[in-house]
Protein backbone atom coordinates (compact mmCIF):
# COMPACT_ATOMS: atom_id res chain seq x y z
CA MET A 1 106.62 84.30 114.75
CA VAL A 2 105.62 87.61 113.21
CA ARG A 3 107.01 89.40 110.19
CA ALA A 4 106.43 92.43 108.02
CA ALA A 5 103.57 92.06 105.56
CA THR A 6 104.46 92.26 101.88
CA GLU A 7 102.32 93.18 98.91
CA ALA A 8 101.74 89.45 98.30
CA ASP A 9 100.38 89.09 101.84
CA MET A 10 97.70 91.77 101.48
CA PRO A 11 94.87 89.45 100.31
CA ALA A 12 95.40 87.28 103.39
CA VAL A 13 95.57 90.32 105.68
CA ARG A 14 92.36 91.67 104.17
CA ARG A 15 90.58 88.36 104.77
CA VAL A 16 91.33 88.71 108.47
CA ALA A 17 90.24 92.36 108.35
CA ARG A 18 86.93 91.36 106.76
CA ARG A 19 86.34 88.78 109.49
CA PHE A 20 86.30 91.73 111.92
CA GLY A 21 84.28 94.03 109.66
CA LEU A 22 87.10 96.54 109.19
CA LEU A 23 86.77 97.27 105.47
CA GLY A 24 83.20 98.54 105.25
CA ASP A 25 84.45 102.06 104.49
CA TRP A 26 87.10 100.74 102.11
CA PRO A 27 85.32 98.71 99.42
CA ALA A 28 88.36 98.76 97.16
CA ALA A 29 92.09 99.28 97.45
CA PRO A 30 93.88 101.41 98.38
CA ASP A 31 92.75 101.17 101.99
CA PHE A 32 94.13 101.99 105.42
CA LEU A 33 96.09 98.71 105.48
CA ASP A 34 98.08 99.99 102.49
CA ALA A 35 98.75 103.22 104.40
CA GLU A 36 100.07 101.28 107.39
CA ARG A 37 102.39 99.27 105.15
CA LEU A 38 103.61 102.38 103.34
CA PHE A 39 103.91 104.92 106.17
CA GLY A 40 104.12 102.83 109.32
CA THR A 41 104.43 99.15 110.12
CA LEU A 42 102.11 96.31 109.11
CA LEU A 43 102.92 92.95 110.69
CA LEU A 44 101.54 89.55 109.86
CA GLY A 45 101.04 86.52 112.08
CA PRO A 46 101.60 83.89 109.39
CA GLY A 47 99.68 80.66 109.02
CA GLU A 48 100.90 77.48 110.64
CA ALA A 49 102.69 76.01 107.62
CA GLU A 50 104.83 79.12 107.17
CA ALA A 51 105.51 79.28 110.90
CA GLY A 52 106.75 75.71 110.90
CA GLY A 53 103.62 73.91 112.08
CA PRO A 54 101.17 71.66 110.23
CA GLY A 55 99.61 72.97 107.05
CA GLY A 56 95.96 73.93 106.70
CA THR A 57 93.56 76.46 105.35
CA GLU A 58 92.85 79.76 106.94
CA GLY A 59 89.14 79.41 106.39
CA THR A 60 88.24 83.09 106.56
CA GLY A 61 86.18 83.14 103.39
CA GLY A 62 84.81 86.25 101.80
CA THR A 63 87.10 86.49 98.77
CA GLY A 64 86.55 83.28 96.88
CA GLY A 65 89.06 80.45 96.78
CA THR A 66 91.24 79.17 99.62
CA ASP A 67 94.97 79.69 100.07
CA ARG A 68 97.21 77.22 101.82
CA PRO A 69 99.52 79.00 104.30
CA GLY A 70 103.09 78.91 103.09
CA ARG A 71 102.34 77.32 99.74
CA PRO A 72 104.85 78.58 97.15
CA GLY A 73 103.24 80.96 94.72
CA GLY A 74 100.20 81.56 96.92
CA THR A 75 99.38 84.67 98.86
CA GLY A 76 100.04 82.96 102.18
CA GLY A 77 97.79 82.70 105.22
CA ALA A 78 97.31 84.99 108.17
CA LEU A 79 96.20 84.19 111.70
CA GLY A 80 96.29 87.86 112.68
CA PHE A 81 97.89 91.19 111.95
CA GLY A 82 98.80 94.46 113.57
CA GLY A 83 99.53 97.88 112.17
CA THR A 84 100.81 101.29 113.17
CA LEU A 85 101.08 104.71 111.58
CA ARG A 86 103.62 107.38 112.49
CA ARG A 87 102.94 111.04 113.20
CA GLY A 88 106.36 112.55 113.75
CA SER A 89 107.76 110.77 116.80
CA MET A 90 104.33 109.43 117.80
CA THR A 91 103.27 105.85 117.08
CA HIS A 92 99.55 105.36 116.51
CA LEU A 93 98.58 101.71 117.02
CA GLY A 94 95.78 101.33 114.54
CA ASP A 95 95.17 97.59 114.43
CA LEU A 96 95.74 94.45 116.48
CA PHE A 97 93.52 91.57 115.37
CA VAL A 98 93.87 87.82 115.84
CA LEU A 99 91.36 85.30 114.49
CA PRO A 100 89.05 84.11 117.29
CA GLU A 101 90.23 80.51 117.00
CA HIS A 102 93.82 81.64 117.62
CA GLN A 103 93.28 84.17 120.39
CA SER A 104 95.04 83.59 123.73
CA SER A 105 97.82 81.87 121.76
CA GLY A 106 100.38 84.62 122.40
CA LEU A 107 100.19 85.95 118.85
CA GLY A 108 98.63 89.25 119.92
CA ARG A 109 101.37 89.81 122.48
CA ALA A 110 104.04 88.97 119.91
CA LEU A 111 102.58 91.42 117.40
CA LEU A 112 102.29 94.18 119.99
CA ALA A 113 105.82 93.64 121.33
CA THR A 114 107.22 94.27 117.85
CA LEU A 115 104.87 97.12 116.94
CA LEU A 116 105.59 99.05 120.16
CA ASP A 117 109.29 98.24 120.37
CA GLY A 118 111.42 101.30 121.05
CA ASP A 119 110.82 104.66 122.62
CA GLY A 120 108.51 107.49 121.66
CA PRO A 121 104.95 108.58 122.35
CA ARG A 122 102.24 105.96 121.80
CA ILE A 123 98.50 106.16 121.31
CA THR A 124 95.64 103.87 120.29
CA PHE A 125 91.86 103.66 120.04
CA ALA A 126 90.99 100.63 122.16
CA SER A 127 87.81 98.62 121.90
CA SER A 128 85.96 97.24 124.91
CA ASP A 129 87.93 93.96 124.85
CA HIS A 130 89.26 93.76 128.41
CA ARG A 131 92.17 91.54 127.39
CA ALA A 132 93.36 94.14 124.87
CA LEU A 133 92.98 96.96 127.38
CA ALA A 134 95.12 95.11 129.92
CA LEU A 135 97.73 94.38 127.27
CA TYR A 136 97.98 98.05 126.30
CA VAL A 137 98.32 99.09 129.94
CA ARG A 138 101.35 96.82 130.24
CA TYR A 139 102.96 98.87 127.48
CA GLY A 140 102.42 102.15 129.29
CA LEU A 141 99.17 103.25 127.64
CA ARG A 142 96.41 104.35 130.00
CA PRO A 143 92.76 105.15 129.36
CA TRP A 144 92.43 108.87 128.65
CA THR A 145 89.02 109.75 127.24
CA PRO A 146 86.13 108.17 125.34
CA LEU A 147 86.25 108.37 121.56
CA LEU A 148 82.67 108.55 120.33
CA TYR A 149 81.59 107.63 116.81
CA LEU A 150 78.65 109.80 115.80
CA THR A 151 76.33 109.84 112.82
CA GLY A 152 73.68 112.38 112.02
CA PRO A 153 71.98 114.78 109.63
CA ALA A 154 74.47 117.21 108.16
CA ALA A 155 71.67 119.53 107.06
CA SER A 156 70.70 120.12 110.69
CA LEU A 157 74.00 121.89 111.24
CA THR A 158 73.89 124.11 108.16
CA ALA A 159 71.59 127.07 107.79
CA SER A 160 72.82 127.77 104.25
CA ALA A 161 75.65 126.98 101.91
CA VAL A 162 76.31 129.40 99.08
CA GLU A 163 78.98 130.11 96.51
CA PRO A 164 80.48 133.53 97.30
CA ALA A 165 80.16 136.09 94.56
CA GLY A 166 83.22 136.33 92.41
CA MET A 167 84.75 133.10 93.77
CA SER A 168 85.12 130.10 91.52
CA GLY A 169 86.11 127.45 94.03
CA PRO A 170 85.62 128.14 97.75
CA ALA A 171 82.31 127.50 99.43
CA ALA A 172 81.07 129.93 102.05
CA ALA A 173 79.02 128.18 104.69
CA VAL A 174 77.05 130.24 107.16
CA VAL A 175 76.19 127.92 110.01
CA GLU A 176 74.31 128.37 113.23
CA PRO A 177 75.58 125.58 115.51
CA THR A 178 73.44 124.76 118.50
CA GLY A 179 75.02 125.82 121.77
CA LEU A 180 77.27 128.52 120.37
CA THR A 181 76.50 132.20 120.78
CA GLY A 182 75.51 133.55 117.40
CA PRO A 183 76.22 132.27 113.89
CA VAL A 184 79.68 131.15 112.84
CA ALA A 185 80.56 132.41 109.39
CA SER A 186 82.96 129.88 107.92
CA VAL A 187 84.53 130.30 104.51
CA VAL A 188 86.14 127.00 103.66
CA GLU A 189 88.48 126.82 100.71
CA PRO A 190 89.93 123.80 98.95
CA ALA A 191 93.37 122.92 100.24
CA THR A 192 96.17 120.45 99.70
CA ALA A 193 97.63 118.10 102.26
CA ALA A 194 100.82 120.16 102.27
CA GLU A 195 98.86 123.30 103.13
CA VAL A 196 97.23 121.81 106.22
CA ALA A 197 100.01 119.45 107.36
CA ALA A 198 101.51 121.86 109.88
CA LEU A 199 98.13 122.63 111.46
CA ASP A 200 97.34 118.93 111.61
CA ALA A 201 100.67 118.24 113.30
CA HIS A 202 99.95 120.90 115.92
CA VAL A 203 96.71 119.29 117.07
CA SER A 204 97.27 115.60 116.25
CA GLY A 205 100.68 115.30 117.87
CA GLY A 206 103.01 114.80 114.91
CA TYR A 207 103.82 115.66 111.30
CA ARG A 208 102.55 113.26 108.59
CA GLU A 209 102.32 115.09 105.29
CA GLU A 210 102.91 111.91 103.25
CA THR A 211 100.05 110.07 104.93
CA LEU A 212 97.72 113.04 104.47
CA ALA A 213 98.69 113.36 100.81
CA TRP A 214 97.99 109.66 100.31
CA TYR A 215 94.54 110.05 101.87
CA ALA A 216 93.78 113.19 99.86
CA ASP A 217 94.29 111.10 96.71
CA VAL A 218 91.74 108.47 97.77
CA PRO A 219 88.61 108.76 95.60
CA GLY A 220 85.95 110.95 97.18
CA VAL A 221 88.30 112.77 99.58
CA THR A 222 88.45 116.56 99.68
CA VAL A 223 90.47 118.86 101.93
CA HIS A 224 89.02 122.07 103.36
CA THR A 225 90.56 124.93 105.32
CA THR A 226 89.48 128.16 106.96
CA GLY A 227 93.05 129.27 107.51
CA HIS A 228 92.99 128.43 111.22
CA GLY A 229 91.05 125.18 110.88
CA TYR A 230 91.01 122.25 108.49
CA ALA A 231 88.90 119.18 107.73
CA PHE A 232 89.25 116.17 105.46
CA ALA A 233 85.95 114.91 104.08
CA ARG A 234 85.28 111.66 102.22
CA ARG A 235 82.05 111.31 100.29
CA THR A 236 80.58 107.83 100.07
CA ALA A 237 77.40 106.63 98.43
CA ALA A 238 75.51 107.12 101.70
CA ASP A 239 77.17 109.96 103.61
CA VAL A 240 80.34 111.91 104.28
CA LEU A 241 83.06 110.92 106.74
CA ILE A 242 84.82 113.85 108.42
CA GLY A 243 88.36 113.52 109.73
CA PRO A 244 91.07 114.20 110.44
CA ALA A 245 90.08 117.72 111.38
CA GLY A 246 91.08 120.37 113.86
CA GLY A 247 91.99 123.95 114.47
CA THR A 248 94.14 126.42 116.34
CA THR A 249 91.25 126.74 118.79
CA PRO A 250 88.29 124.40 119.31
CA GLU A 251 86.09 126.98 117.58
CA ASP A 252 88.40 127.03 114.55
CA GLY A 253 88.09 123.28 114.22
CA ILE A 254 84.31 123.39 114.57
CA ALA A 255 84.06 126.05 111.88
CA ALA A 256 86.16 123.93 109.51
CA VAL A 257 84.06 120.82 110.14
CA LEU A 258 80.76 122.62 109.61
CA GLY A 259 82.11 124.35 106.53
CA ALA A 260 83.30 121.02 105.09
CA LEU A 261 79.90 119.43 105.72
CA ALA A 262 78.23 122.31 103.88
CA ALA A 263 80.74 122.26 101.03
CA THR A 264 80.23 118.55 100.34
CA GLY A 265 76.47 118.90 100.22
CA ALA A 266 76.01 115.62 102.06
CA ARG A 267 72.71 114.90 103.79
CA SER A 268 74.27 112.85 106.59
CA GLY A 269 77.69 112.62 108.13
CA ARG A 270 79.95 110.62 110.41
CA ILE A 271 82.71 111.78 112.71
CA ALA A 272 84.87 110.49 115.58
CA VAL A 273 84.85 112.85 118.56
CA PRO A 274 87.04 112.72 121.69
CA GLY A 275 85.04 113.34 124.84
CA PRO A 276 86.54 116.78 125.69
CA HIS A 277 85.85 118.31 122.27
CA PRO A 278 83.14 121.02 122.41
CA ILE A 279 81.66 119.87 119.11
CA LEU A 280 80.20 116.87 120.98
CA PRO A 281 77.25 118.65 122.66
CA LEU A 282 76.69 120.65 119.47
CA LEU A 283 76.23 117.44 117.46
CA ILE A 284 74.11 115.73 120.09
CA GLY A 285 71.91 118.81 120.27
CA ALA A 286 71.49 118.72 116.49
CA GLY A 287 70.19 115.17 116.54
CA TRP A 288 73.37 113.20 115.95
CA ARG A 289 73.60 109.83 117.66
CA ILE A 290 76.43 107.86 119.23
CA GLN A 291 76.80 104.64 117.23
CA ASP A 292 79.89 103.22 118.90
CA MET A 293 82.65 104.07 121.35
CA ASP A 294 86.33 103.30 121.84
CA THR A 295 88.71 104.40 124.55
CA LEU A 296 91.52 106.73 123.56
CA MET A 297 94.60 105.37 125.34
CA ALA A 298 97.97 107.12 125.46
CA ASP A 299 101.21 107.13 127.36
CA ASP A 300 102.40 110.21 129.21
CA PRO A 301 104.54 111.64 126.35
CA ALA A 302 101.63 111.35 123.91
CA ARG A 303 99.34 113.25 126.29
CA THR A 304 101.58 116.29 125.99
CA LEU A 305 101.33 116.28 122.17
CA LEU A 306 97.76 115.47 121.20
CA HIS A 307 94.93 117.91 121.96
CA PRO A 308 91.59 116.08 122.27
CA ASP A 309 89.70 119.36 122.68
CA ARG A 310 90.94 120.57 119.29
CA TYR A 311 91.47 117.39 117.26
CA LEU A 312 89.00 115.09 115.52
CA PRO A 313 90.76 111.97 114.26
CA HIS A 314 90.10 109.72 111.33
CA PRO A 315 88.75 106.40 112.64
CA ASP A 316 91.32 104.33 110.74
CA LEU A 317 94.23 106.70 110.18
CA GLY A 318 94.26 108.30 113.62
């Protein structure tokens, strides 16, 4: 049995998310689970008591106190959850997690069957779990390209960052990226989600202005544009996370990313890079390191919409 998660279910869903280390970048609500519930689909695999089986505790820990699944007035229990976000007609499968003690029970398949019900392009970032990969293949998704999670020194990419004369807001970043012929002069200006939504849709595969506006309102997030490129940046205590980002051409997207890094003034950054994107060798050459890797999987319709050589996704929002 699976059902839509409600606001009252969110503490239980977050306990499962913490078991898998998913909320490190989201120390406080709102987080990407809220975005999935608001702009996509967030499903819950309820605890045994609610599903009609024997009662018991979830035992995930991490939040203090213990809820009994299905107990009236409680937040309920969760054995797993799955979530999607929509970009136009495209469904981005963002999450599919089942507690280890309940894996191979059929819950993951039940969640996925509901999340991917219906037609339309589909995409996901798959981990190295072979069971999950096989399950996605059964739903028409095939491995497309690696998605590499990089971290590195932002200062190594920026020769200088200055405030243009006579301009009160935009930051002009003059960058000399390794591997490109000559410096790239990138003037990034503050933007709104509405101003970059069309460009984002062109490279990401679908329109999602509401989701972008929600993210732009998250504390620490700024939006930058060069006119032909854009980049969302989120400052944290330790670094800056770039994404989503992209451009009319790969070079436009690179200019926006480098300009955003300069504008935030961060010393280190993080970014998710599809294998075909030309920013990958630039970052590696500048001393950035690959910290993790997923596999970008997509069905045939999605492959005609998303441009991995021009698009840099957000790790959690797609």
